[in-house]
């Protein structure tokens, strides 16, 4: 396995992201929603890096693997009502953008004021239609593990991002 981003590089970049994101939400009713399971590590670290008061929640989605269109379904809804809130989605990796766009639409339809996305890795997938508002790193369109990203639910706990 090739280490793409080290534990030290990840920590430094997430701290920078917190400083970039915090002013955007100053004085706004922010709710950080972590997309589980992959976003757990990044979401927790980003929450500390933002360093201001906000609400914290999570949601879980799943892609229909057999569906070539990449259809996404809701597995668990956020506990907090998104109505009247600015939402920041936190996820481990942005590849096709299908999951984030599904969540964005879902939350806006339920009254969120705005929905933006912060990811650790912005994977360079050709032909995608959307982009995250904040990204820690870019990576080639390769299979990645570590720091929340898994292979058959393994390797999430690695403190670095590696290419398999």
N, C-alpha and C. Protein backbone atom coordinates (compact mmCIF):
# COMPACT_ATOMS: atom_id res chain seq x y z
N UNK A 1 0.86 -1.19 0.00
CA UNK A 1 0.00 0.00 0.00
C UNK A 1 0.89 1.24 0.00
N UNK A 2 0.58 2.17 -0.85
CA UNK A 2 1.32 3.43 -0.94
C UNK A 2 0.61 4.48 -0.08
N UNK A 3 1.35 5.14 0.82
CA UNK A 3 0.79 6.21 1.64
C UNK A 3 0.68 7.46 0.76
N UNK A 4 -0.54 7.95 0.64
CA UNK A 4 -0.78 9.15 -0.17
C UNK A 4 -0.70 10.41 0.69
N UNK A 5 -1.35 10.37 1.87
CA UNK A 5 -1.31 11.50 2.81
C UNK A 5 -1.06 10.95 4.21
N UNK A 6 -0.06 11.48 4.87
CA UNK A 6 0.34 11.01 6.20
C UNK A 6 -0.59 11.57 7.28
N UNK A 7 -0.50 10.99 8.44
CA UNK A 7 -1.27 11.44 9.60
C UNK A 7 -0.97 12.92 9.90
N UNK A 8 0.29 13.30 9.83
CA UNK A 8 0.69 14.69 10.10
C UNK A 8 0.12 15.64 9.05
N UNK A 9 0.20 15.25 7.77
CA UNK A 9 -0.35 16.09 6.70
C UNK A 9 -1.86 16.26 6.85
N UNK A 10 -2.54 15.19 7.23
CA UNK A 10 -4.00 15.24 7.41
C UNK A 10 -4.35 16.18 8.54
N UNK A 11 -3.67 16.06 9.67
CA UNK A 11 -3.95 16.92 10.82
C UNK A 11 -3.74 18.39 10.47
N UNK A 12 -2.65 18.69 9.79
CA UNK A 12 -2.35 20.08 9.40
C UNK A 12 -3.43 20.62 8.46
N UNK A 13 -3.83 19.82 7.48
CA UNK A 13 -4.80 20.30 6.49
C UNK A 13 -6.18 20.48 7.10
N UNK A 14 -6.59 19.60 8.00
CA UNK A 14 -7.90 19.76 8.64
C UNK A 14 -7.92 21.02 9.51
N UNK A 15 -6.83 21.31 10.18
CA UNK A 15 -6.76 22.56 10.96
C UNK A 15 -6.92 23.77 10.03
N UNK A 16 -6.27 23.73 8.87
CA UNK A 16 -6.42 24.82 7.89
C UNK A 16 -7.87 24.92 7.41
N UNK A 17 -8.48 23.77 7.15
CA UNK A 17 -9.88 23.78 6.69
C UNK A 17 -10.79 24.41 7.73
N UNK A 18 -10.57 24.09 8.99
CA UNK A 18 -11.38 24.69 10.05
C UNK A 18 -11.28 26.21 10.03
N UNK A 19 -10.06 26.73 9.81
CA UNK A 19 -9.87 28.18 9.73
C UNK A 19 -10.52 28.77 8.48
N UNK A 20 -10.59 28.01 7.39
CA UNK A 20 -11.25 28.47 6.16
C UNK A 20 -12.78 28.48 6.31
N UNK A 21 -13.31 27.48 6.96
CA UNK A 21 -14.75 27.29 7.06
C UNK A 21 -15.39 28.18 8.12
N UNK A 22 -14.75 28.34 9.26
CA UNK A 22 -15.34 29.06 10.39
C UNK A 22 -15.85 30.46 10.02
N UNK A 23 -15.11 31.30 9.32
CA UNK A 23 -15.62 32.63 9.01
C UNK A 23 -16.87 32.61 8.13
N UNK A 24 -16.98 31.61 7.27
CA UNK A 24 -18.15 31.52 6.40
C UNK A 24 -19.43 31.34 7.20
N UNK A 25 -19.35 30.64 8.32
CA UNK A 25 -20.54 30.34 9.14
C UNK A 25 -20.66 31.23 10.38
N UNK A 26 -19.80 32.20 10.54
CA UNK A 26 -19.86 33.08 11.71
C UNK A 26 -21.24 33.73 11.80
N UNK A 27 -21.89 33.58 12.94
CA UNK A 27 -23.21 34.19 13.17
C UNK A 27 -24.36 33.48 12.49
N UNK A 28 -24.11 32.32 11.89
CA UNK A 28 -25.18 31.57 11.21
C UNK A 28 -25.52 30.32 12.02
N UNK A 29 -26.75 29.82 11.88
CA UNK A 29 -27.17 28.62 12.63
C UNK A 29 -26.63 27.34 11.98
N UNK A 30 -25.36 27.03 12.23
CA UNK A 30 -24.68 25.91 11.58
C UNK A 30 -25.00 24.58 12.24
N UNK A 31 -25.24 23.58 11.40
CA UNK A 31 -25.32 22.19 11.83
C UNK A 31 -24.36 21.40 10.96
N UNK A 32 -23.41 20.73 11.61
CA UNK A 32 -22.47 19.86 10.92
C UNK A 32 -23.08 18.46 10.91
N UNK A 33 -23.28 17.89 9.72
CA UNK A 33 -23.82 16.54 9.59
C UNK A 33 -22.75 15.66 8.96
N UNK A 34 -22.34 14.65 9.70
CA UNK A 34 -21.33 13.71 9.24
C UNK A 34 -22.02 12.57 8.50
N UNK A 35 -21.50 12.26 7.31
CA UNK A 35 -22.01 11.13 6.54
C UNK A 35 -21.26 9.88 6.98
N UNK A 36 -22.02 8.96 7.55
CA UNK A 36 -21.45 7.76 8.17
C UNK A 36 -21.40 6.61 7.19
N UNK A 37 -20.50 5.70 7.36
CA UNK A 37 -19.48 5.56 8.37
C UNK A 37 -18.19 6.27 7.99
N UNK A 38 -17.99 6.44 6.70
CA UNK A 38 -16.72 6.96 6.21
C UNK A 38 -16.33 8.31 6.76
N UNK A 39 -17.27 9.19 7.00
CA UNK A 39 -16.96 10.54 7.44
C UNK A 39 -16.69 10.69 8.93
N UNK A 40 -16.76 9.60 9.70
CA UNK A 40 -16.67 9.70 11.16
C UNK A 40 -15.37 10.35 11.64
N UNK A 41 -14.24 9.89 11.14
CA UNK A 41 -12.95 10.41 11.61
C UNK A 41 -12.76 11.87 11.17
N UNK A 42 -13.00 12.12 9.90
CA UNK A 42 -12.86 13.48 9.37
C UNK A 42 -13.84 14.43 10.05
N UNK A 43 -15.11 14.01 10.20
CA UNK A 43 -16.13 14.86 10.81
C UNK A 43 -15.78 15.27 12.22
N UNK A 44 -15.28 14.32 13.02
CA UNK A 44 -14.90 14.63 14.40
C UNK A 44 -13.74 15.63 14.45
N UNK A 45 -12.75 15.39 13.62
CA UNK A 45 -11.59 16.30 13.61
C UNK A 45 -11.95 17.67 13.05
N UNK A 46 -12.78 17.71 12.02
CA UNK A 46 -13.21 18.98 11.46
C UNK A 46 -14.05 19.77 12.47
N UNK A 47 -14.90 19.09 13.21
CA UNK A 47 -15.73 19.76 14.22
C UNK A 47 -14.85 20.50 15.23
N UNK A 48 -13.80 19.85 15.68
CA UNK A 48 -12.88 20.51 16.62
C UNK A 48 -12.13 21.65 15.95
N UNK A 49 -11.79 21.49 14.67
CA UNK A 49 -11.01 22.52 13.98
C UNK A 49 -11.83 23.77 13.68
N UNK A 50 -13.13 23.64 13.48
CA UNK A 50 -13.97 24.81 13.21
C UNK A 50 -14.02 25.71 14.43
N UNK A 51 -14.08 25.12 15.60
CA UNK A 51 -13.89 25.85 16.84
C UNK A 51 -14.95 26.86 17.22
N UNK A 52 -16.14 26.77 16.69
CA UNK A 52 -17.22 27.65 17.13
C UNK A 52 -18.41 26.79 17.51
N UNK A 53 -19.38 27.40 18.12
CA UNK A 53 -20.56 26.66 18.56
C UNK A 53 -21.44 26.29 17.36
N UNK A 54 -21.87 25.04 17.31
CA UNK A 54 -22.79 24.58 16.28
C UNK A 54 -23.43 23.28 16.75
N UNK A 55 -24.43 22.84 16.01
CA UNK A 55 -25.08 21.57 16.30
C UNK A 55 -24.36 20.49 15.51
N UNK A 56 -24.42 19.26 16.02
CA UNK A 56 -23.70 18.14 15.41
C UNK A 56 -24.67 16.98 15.22
N UNK A 57 -24.65 16.38 14.04
CA UNK A 57 -25.58 15.29 13.74
C UNK A 57 -24.91 14.34 12.74
N UNK A 58 -25.61 13.30 12.37
CA UNK A 58 -25.09 12.36 11.37
C UNK A 58 -26.25 11.79 10.57
N UNK A 59 -25.92 11.23 9.44
CA UNK A 59 -26.89 10.50 8.63
C UNK A 59 -26.14 9.42 7.86
N UNK A 60 -26.89 8.41 7.48
CA UNK A 60 -26.29 7.30 6.75
C UNK A 60 -27.08 7.05 5.47
N UNK A 61 -26.34 6.92 4.39
CA UNK A 61 -26.93 6.59 3.10
C UNK A 61 -26.23 5.35 2.56
N UNK A 62 -26.80 4.76 1.53
CA UNK A 62 -26.17 3.63 0.86
C UNK A 62 -26.44 3.73 -0.62
N UNK A 63 -25.47 3.30 -1.40
CA UNK A 63 -25.64 3.28 -2.85
C UNK A 63 -26.11 1.89 -3.25
N UNK A 64 -26.97 1.86 -4.23
CA UNK A 64 -27.36 0.58 -4.80
C UNK A 64 -26.24 0.15 -5.72
N UNK A 65 -25.45 -0.80 -5.27
CA UNK A 65 -24.26 -1.21 -6.01
C UNK A 65 -24.61 -1.79 -7.38
N UNK A 66 -25.71 -2.52 -7.46
CA UNK A 66 -26.07 -3.16 -8.72
C UNK A 66 -26.65 -2.16 -9.72
N UNK A 67 -26.99 -0.99 -9.28
CA UNK A 67 -27.60 0.02 -10.15
C UNK A 67 -26.50 0.85 -10.81
N UNK A 68 -26.38 0.74 -12.09
CA UNK A 68 -25.32 1.44 -12.82
C UNK A 68 -25.44 2.95 -12.70
N UNK A 69 -26.64 3.46 -12.36
CA UNK A 69 -26.83 4.91 -12.23
C UNK A 69 -26.30 5.43 -10.91
N UNK A 70 -25.93 4.55 -9.99
CA UNK A 70 -25.43 5.00 -8.70
C UNK A 70 -26.51 5.55 -7.80
N UNK A 71 -27.70 4.95 -7.83
CA UNK A 71 -28.80 5.42 -7.01
C UNK A 71 -28.44 5.36 -5.53
N UNK A 72 -28.89 6.32 -4.77
CA UNK A 72 -28.60 6.42 -3.35
C UNK A 72 -29.90 6.31 -2.57
N UNK A 73 -29.86 5.63 -1.44
CA UNK A 73 -31.04 5.54 -0.57
C UNK A 73 -30.67 5.96 0.85
N UNK A 74 -31.65 6.47 1.57
CA UNK A 74 -31.47 6.91 2.94
C UNK A 74 -31.56 5.71 3.87
N UNK A 75 -30.59 5.54 4.76
CA UNK A 75 -30.65 4.49 5.77
C UNK A 75 -31.01 5.04 7.13
N UNK A 76 -30.42 6.17 7.51
CA UNK A 76 -30.81 6.84 8.75
C UNK A 76 -30.88 8.34 8.50
N UNK A 77 -31.94 8.95 8.96
CA UNK A 77 -32.11 10.40 8.81
C UNK A 77 -31.39 11.12 9.94
N UNK A 78 -31.09 12.39 9.74
CA UNK A 78 -30.53 13.17 10.85
C UNK A 78 -31.56 13.28 11.97
N UNK A 79 -31.07 13.35 13.17
CA UNK A 79 -31.95 13.51 14.34
C UNK A 79 -32.53 14.92 14.39
N UNK A 80 -31.72 15.93 14.04
CA UNK A 80 -32.14 17.33 14.12
C UNK A 80 -32.90 17.74 12.86
N UNK A 81 -33.94 18.52 13.04
CA UNK A 81 -34.71 19.05 11.92
C UNK A 81 -33.84 20.07 11.18
N UNK A 82 -33.63 19.91 9.87
CA UNK A 82 -32.76 20.84 9.13
C UNK A 82 -33.39 22.20 8.85
N UNK A 83 -34.69 22.34 9.10
CA UNK A 83 -35.39 23.58 8.79
C UNK A 83 -34.74 24.78 9.48
N UNK A 84 -34.41 25.80 8.67
CA UNK A 84 -33.83 27.03 9.21
C UNK A 84 -32.37 26.95 9.58
N UNK A 85 -31.70 25.90 9.17
CA UNK A 85 -30.29 25.72 9.53
C UNK A 85 -29.41 25.75 8.28
N UNK A 86 -28.21 26.25 8.47
CA UNK A 86 -27.14 26.09 7.48
C UNK A 86 -26.50 24.74 7.76
N UNK A 87 -26.40 23.90 6.74
CA UNK A 87 -25.87 22.55 6.91
C UNK A 87 -24.51 22.44 6.24
N UNK A 88 -23.56 21.86 6.97
CA UNK A 88 -22.27 21.51 6.41
C UNK A 88 -22.16 19.99 6.49
N UNK A 89 -22.13 19.34 5.33
CA UNK A 89 -21.94 17.90 5.27
C UNK A 89 -20.45 17.60 5.34
N UNK A 90 -20.07 16.62 6.15
CA UNK A 90 -18.67 16.20 6.25
C UNK A 90 -18.57 14.75 5.81
N UNK A 91 -17.71 14.49 4.84
CA UNK A 91 -17.54 13.13 4.34
C UNK A 91 -16.07 12.85 4.08
N UNK A 92 -15.74 11.58 3.98
CA UNK A 92 -14.35 11.19 3.76
C UNK A 92 -13.89 11.47 2.34
N UNK A 93 -14.70 11.09 1.34
CA UNK A 93 -14.25 11.21 -0.03
C UNK A 93 -15.40 11.64 -0.93
N UNK A 94 -15.09 12.49 -1.89
CA UNK A 94 -16.06 12.95 -2.89
C UNK A 94 -15.59 12.36 -4.21
N UNK A 95 -16.36 11.39 -4.73
CA UNK A 95 -15.96 10.83 -6.01
C UNK A 95 -17.00 11.17 -7.08
N UNK A 96 -18.07 10.41 -7.21
CA UNK A 96 -19.08 10.73 -8.23
C UNK A 96 -19.91 11.96 -7.84
N UNK A 97 -20.05 12.21 -6.54
CA UNK A 97 -20.89 13.31 -6.06
C UNK A 97 -22.33 12.90 -5.84
N UNK A 98 -22.70 11.67 -6.18
CA UNK A 98 -24.10 11.23 -6.05
C UNK A 98 -24.61 11.28 -4.62
N UNK A 99 -23.82 10.81 -3.67
CA UNK A 99 -24.27 10.79 -2.28
C UNK A 99 -24.48 12.20 -1.75
N UNK A 100 -23.52 13.07 -1.99
CA UNK A 100 -23.64 14.46 -1.50
C UNK A 100 -24.83 15.15 -2.15
N UNK A 101 -25.01 14.98 -3.44
CA UNK A 101 -26.15 15.62 -4.12
C UNK A 101 -27.49 15.07 -3.62
N UNK A 102 -27.54 13.79 -3.33
CA UNK A 102 -28.74 13.19 -2.75
C UNK A 102 -29.04 13.83 -1.39
N UNK A 103 -28.03 13.93 -0.54
CA UNK A 103 -28.20 14.52 0.79
C UNK A 103 -28.55 16.00 0.70
N UNK A 104 -27.90 16.72 -0.20
CA UNK A 104 -28.18 18.15 -0.38
C UNK A 104 -29.65 18.36 -0.73
N UNK A 105 -30.14 17.61 -1.71
CA UNK A 105 -31.54 17.72 -2.13
C UNK A 105 -32.48 17.36 -0.99
N UNK A 106 -32.20 16.29 -0.31
CA UNK A 106 -33.01 15.82 0.82
C UNK A 106 -33.13 16.92 1.89
N UNK A 107 -32.01 17.53 2.27
CA UNK A 107 -32.01 18.53 3.33
C UNK A 107 -32.65 19.84 2.88
N UNK A 108 -32.42 20.25 1.65
CA UNK A 108 -33.05 21.48 1.15
C UNK A 108 -34.57 21.32 1.06
N UNK A 109 -35.02 20.15 0.64
CA UNK A 109 -36.47 19.90 0.58
C UNK A 109 -37.11 19.95 1.96
N UNK A 110 -36.33 19.75 3.00
CA UNK A 110 -36.83 19.79 4.37
C UNK A 110 -36.57 21.12 5.06
N UNK A 111 -36.19 22.13 4.27
CA UNK A 111 -36.13 23.49 4.79
C UNK A 111 -34.77 24.00 5.21
N UNK A 112 -33.69 23.29 4.91
CA UNK A 112 -32.36 23.82 5.23
C UNK A 112 -32.15 25.13 4.48
N UNK A 113 -31.47 26.08 5.11
CA UNK A 113 -31.18 27.36 4.46
C UNK A 113 -30.16 27.19 3.35
N UNK A 114 -29.20 26.33 3.57
CA UNK A 114 -28.16 26.05 2.59
C UNK A 114 -27.46 24.76 2.97
N UNK A 115 -26.92 24.06 2.00
CA UNK A 115 -26.21 22.82 2.26
C UNK A 115 -24.91 22.84 1.47
N UNK A 116 -23.80 22.79 2.19
CA UNK A 116 -22.48 22.77 1.58
C UNK A 116 -21.74 21.53 2.04
N UNK A 117 -20.61 21.26 1.42
CA UNK A 117 -19.91 20.01 1.70
C UNK A 117 -18.43 20.25 1.92
N UNK A 118 -17.89 19.57 2.93
CA UNK A 118 -16.45 19.54 3.17
C UNK A 118 -16.02 18.07 3.18
N UNK A 119 -14.97 17.77 2.44
CA UNK A 119 -14.48 16.40 2.36
C UNK A 119 -12.97 16.37 2.60
N UNK A 120 -12.51 15.24 3.07
CA UNK A 120 -11.07 15.08 3.21
C UNK A 120 -10.42 14.93 1.85
N UNK A 121 -11.01 14.09 0.99
CA UNK A 121 -10.42 13.78 -0.31
C UNK A 121 -11.40 14.13 -1.43
N UNK A 122 -10.95 14.91 -2.37
CA UNK A 122 -11.69 15.20 -3.60
C UNK A 122 -11.04 14.35 -4.68
N UNK A 123 -11.68 13.19 -4.96
CA UNK A 123 -11.13 12.26 -5.95
C UNK A 123 -11.43 12.79 -7.35
N UNK A 124 -10.45 12.79 -8.18
CA UNK A 124 -10.55 13.34 -9.53
C UNK A 124 -11.20 12.34 -10.48
N UNK A 125 -12.52 12.27 -10.42
CA UNK A 125 -13.31 11.35 -11.24
C UNK A 125 -13.79 12.11 -12.48
N UNK A 126 -13.48 11.61 -13.66
CA UNK A 126 -13.91 12.30 -14.89
C UNK A 126 -15.43 12.32 -15.03
N UNK A 127 -15.94 13.44 -15.53
CA UNK A 127 -17.35 13.53 -15.88
C UNK A 127 -18.32 13.82 -14.76
N UNK A 128 -17.86 14.04 -13.57
CA UNK A 128 -18.83 14.33 -12.51
C UNK A 128 -19.38 15.73 -12.66
N UNK A 129 -20.57 15.95 -12.08
CA UNK A 129 -21.30 17.20 -12.31
C UNK A 129 -21.18 18.21 -11.18
N UNK A 130 -20.68 17.80 -10.03
CA UNK A 130 -20.59 18.73 -8.91
C UNK A 130 -19.25 18.59 -8.21
N UNK A 131 -19.00 19.54 -7.32
CA UNK A 131 -17.74 19.57 -6.56
C UNK A 131 -18.04 19.94 -5.12
N UNK A 132 -17.19 19.53 -4.19
CA UNK A 132 -17.36 19.96 -2.80
C UNK A 132 -16.93 21.42 -2.65
N UNK A 133 -17.53 22.10 -1.70
CA UNK A 133 -17.13 23.50 -1.45
C UNK A 133 -15.75 23.58 -0.80
N UNK A 134 -15.42 22.60 0.06
CA UNK A 134 -14.12 22.56 0.72
C UNK A 134 -13.57 21.14 0.60
N UNK A 135 -12.31 21.04 0.26
CA UNK A 135 -11.65 19.75 0.17
C UNK A 135 -10.25 19.83 0.77
N UNK A 136 -9.91 18.81 1.52
CA UNK A 136 -8.58 18.77 2.12
C UNK A 136 -7.50 18.50 1.10
N UNK A 137 -7.70 17.48 0.30
CA UNK A 137 -6.71 17.05 -0.68
C UNK A 137 -7.42 16.58 -1.94
N UNK A 138 -6.68 16.55 -3.03
CA UNK A 138 -7.16 15.89 -4.24
C UNK A 138 -6.40 14.58 -4.37
N UNK A 139 -7.04 13.62 -5.03
CA UNK A 139 -6.40 12.32 -5.22
C UNK A 139 -6.82 11.77 -6.57
N UNK A 140 -5.98 10.91 -7.13
CA UNK A 140 -6.35 10.28 -8.40
C UNK A 140 -7.52 9.32 -8.20
N UNK A 141 -8.15 8.95 -9.28
CA UNK A 141 -9.29 8.04 -9.24
C UNK A 141 -8.78 6.61 -9.03
N UNK A 142 -8.31 6.36 -7.81
CA UNK A 142 -7.79 5.05 -7.40
C UNK A 142 -8.51 4.63 -6.13
N UNK A 143 -8.40 3.37 -5.77
CA UNK A 143 -9.04 2.87 -4.56
C UNK A 143 -8.23 3.32 -3.35
N UNK A 144 -8.89 4.05 -2.44
CA UNK A 144 -8.24 4.62 -1.26
C UNK A 144 -8.76 3.96 0.01
N UNK A 145 -7.90 3.85 1.01
CA UNK A 145 -8.30 3.34 2.32
C UNK A 145 -7.65 4.19 3.40
N UNK A 146 -8.18 4.07 4.61
CA UNK A 146 -7.63 4.77 5.76
C UNK A 146 -8.41 6.04 6.06
N UNK A 147 -8.28 6.49 7.29
CA UNK A 147 -8.92 7.71 7.77
C UNK A 147 -10.41 7.74 7.42
N UNK A 148 -11.07 6.59 7.63
CA UNK A 148 -12.51 6.47 7.38
C UNK A 148 -12.85 5.69 6.14
N UNK A 149 -11.97 5.69 5.16
CA UNK A 149 -12.23 4.96 3.92
C UNK A 149 -11.87 3.49 4.12
N UNK A 150 -12.70 2.62 3.55
CA UNK A 150 -12.54 1.21 3.84
C UNK A 150 -12.48 0.35 2.60
N UNK A 151 -12.10 -0.89 2.83
CA UNK A 151 -12.24 -1.97 1.86
C UNK A 151 -12.95 -3.08 2.62
N UNK A 152 -14.21 -3.33 2.28
CA UNK A 152 -15.04 -4.34 2.97
C UNK A 152 -15.05 -4.11 4.48
N UNK A 153 -15.20 -2.83 4.88
CA UNK A 153 -15.27 -2.39 6.27
C UNK A 153 -13.96 -2.52 7.04
N UNK A 154 -12.87 -2.79 6.36
CA UNK A 154 -11.56 -2.83 7.01
C UNK A 154 -10.75 -1.61 6.61
N UNK A 155 -9.75 -1.31 7.39
CA UNK A 155 -8.76 -0.24 7.15
C UNK A 155 -9.25 1.16 7.48
N UNK A 156 -10.49 1.32 7.93
CA UNK A 156 -10.99 2.66 8.27
C UNK A 156 -10.11 3.34 9.31
N UNK A 157 -9.57 2.55 10.24
CA UNK A 157 -8.85 3.09 11.40
C UNK A 157 -7.42 3.49 11.10
N UNK A 158 -6.93 3.27 9.88
CA UNK A 158 -5.57 3.69 9.58
C UNK A 158 -5.47 5.21 9.73
N UNK A 159 -4.38 5.71 10.34
CA UNK A 159 -4.28 7.16 10.56
C UNK A 159 -3.83 7.95 9.34
N UNK A 160 -3.65 7.27 8.23
CA UNK A 160 -3.21 7.89 6.98
C UNK A 160 -4.16 7.48 5.87
N UNK A 161 -4.00 8.11 4.69
CA UNK A 161 -4.75 7.70 3.50
C UNK A 161 -3.76 6.99 2.58
N UNK A 162 -4.14 5.77 2.20
CA UNK A 162 -3.30 4.99 1.32
C UNK A 162 -4.00 4.58 0.05
N UNK A 163 -3.21 4.34 -0.99
CA UNK A 163 -3.75 3.82 -2.26
C UNK A 163 -3.46 2.33 -2.31
N UNK A 164 -4.50 1.57 -2.65
CA UNK A 164 -4.33 0.12 -2.74
C UNK A 164 -3.96 -0.23 -4.16
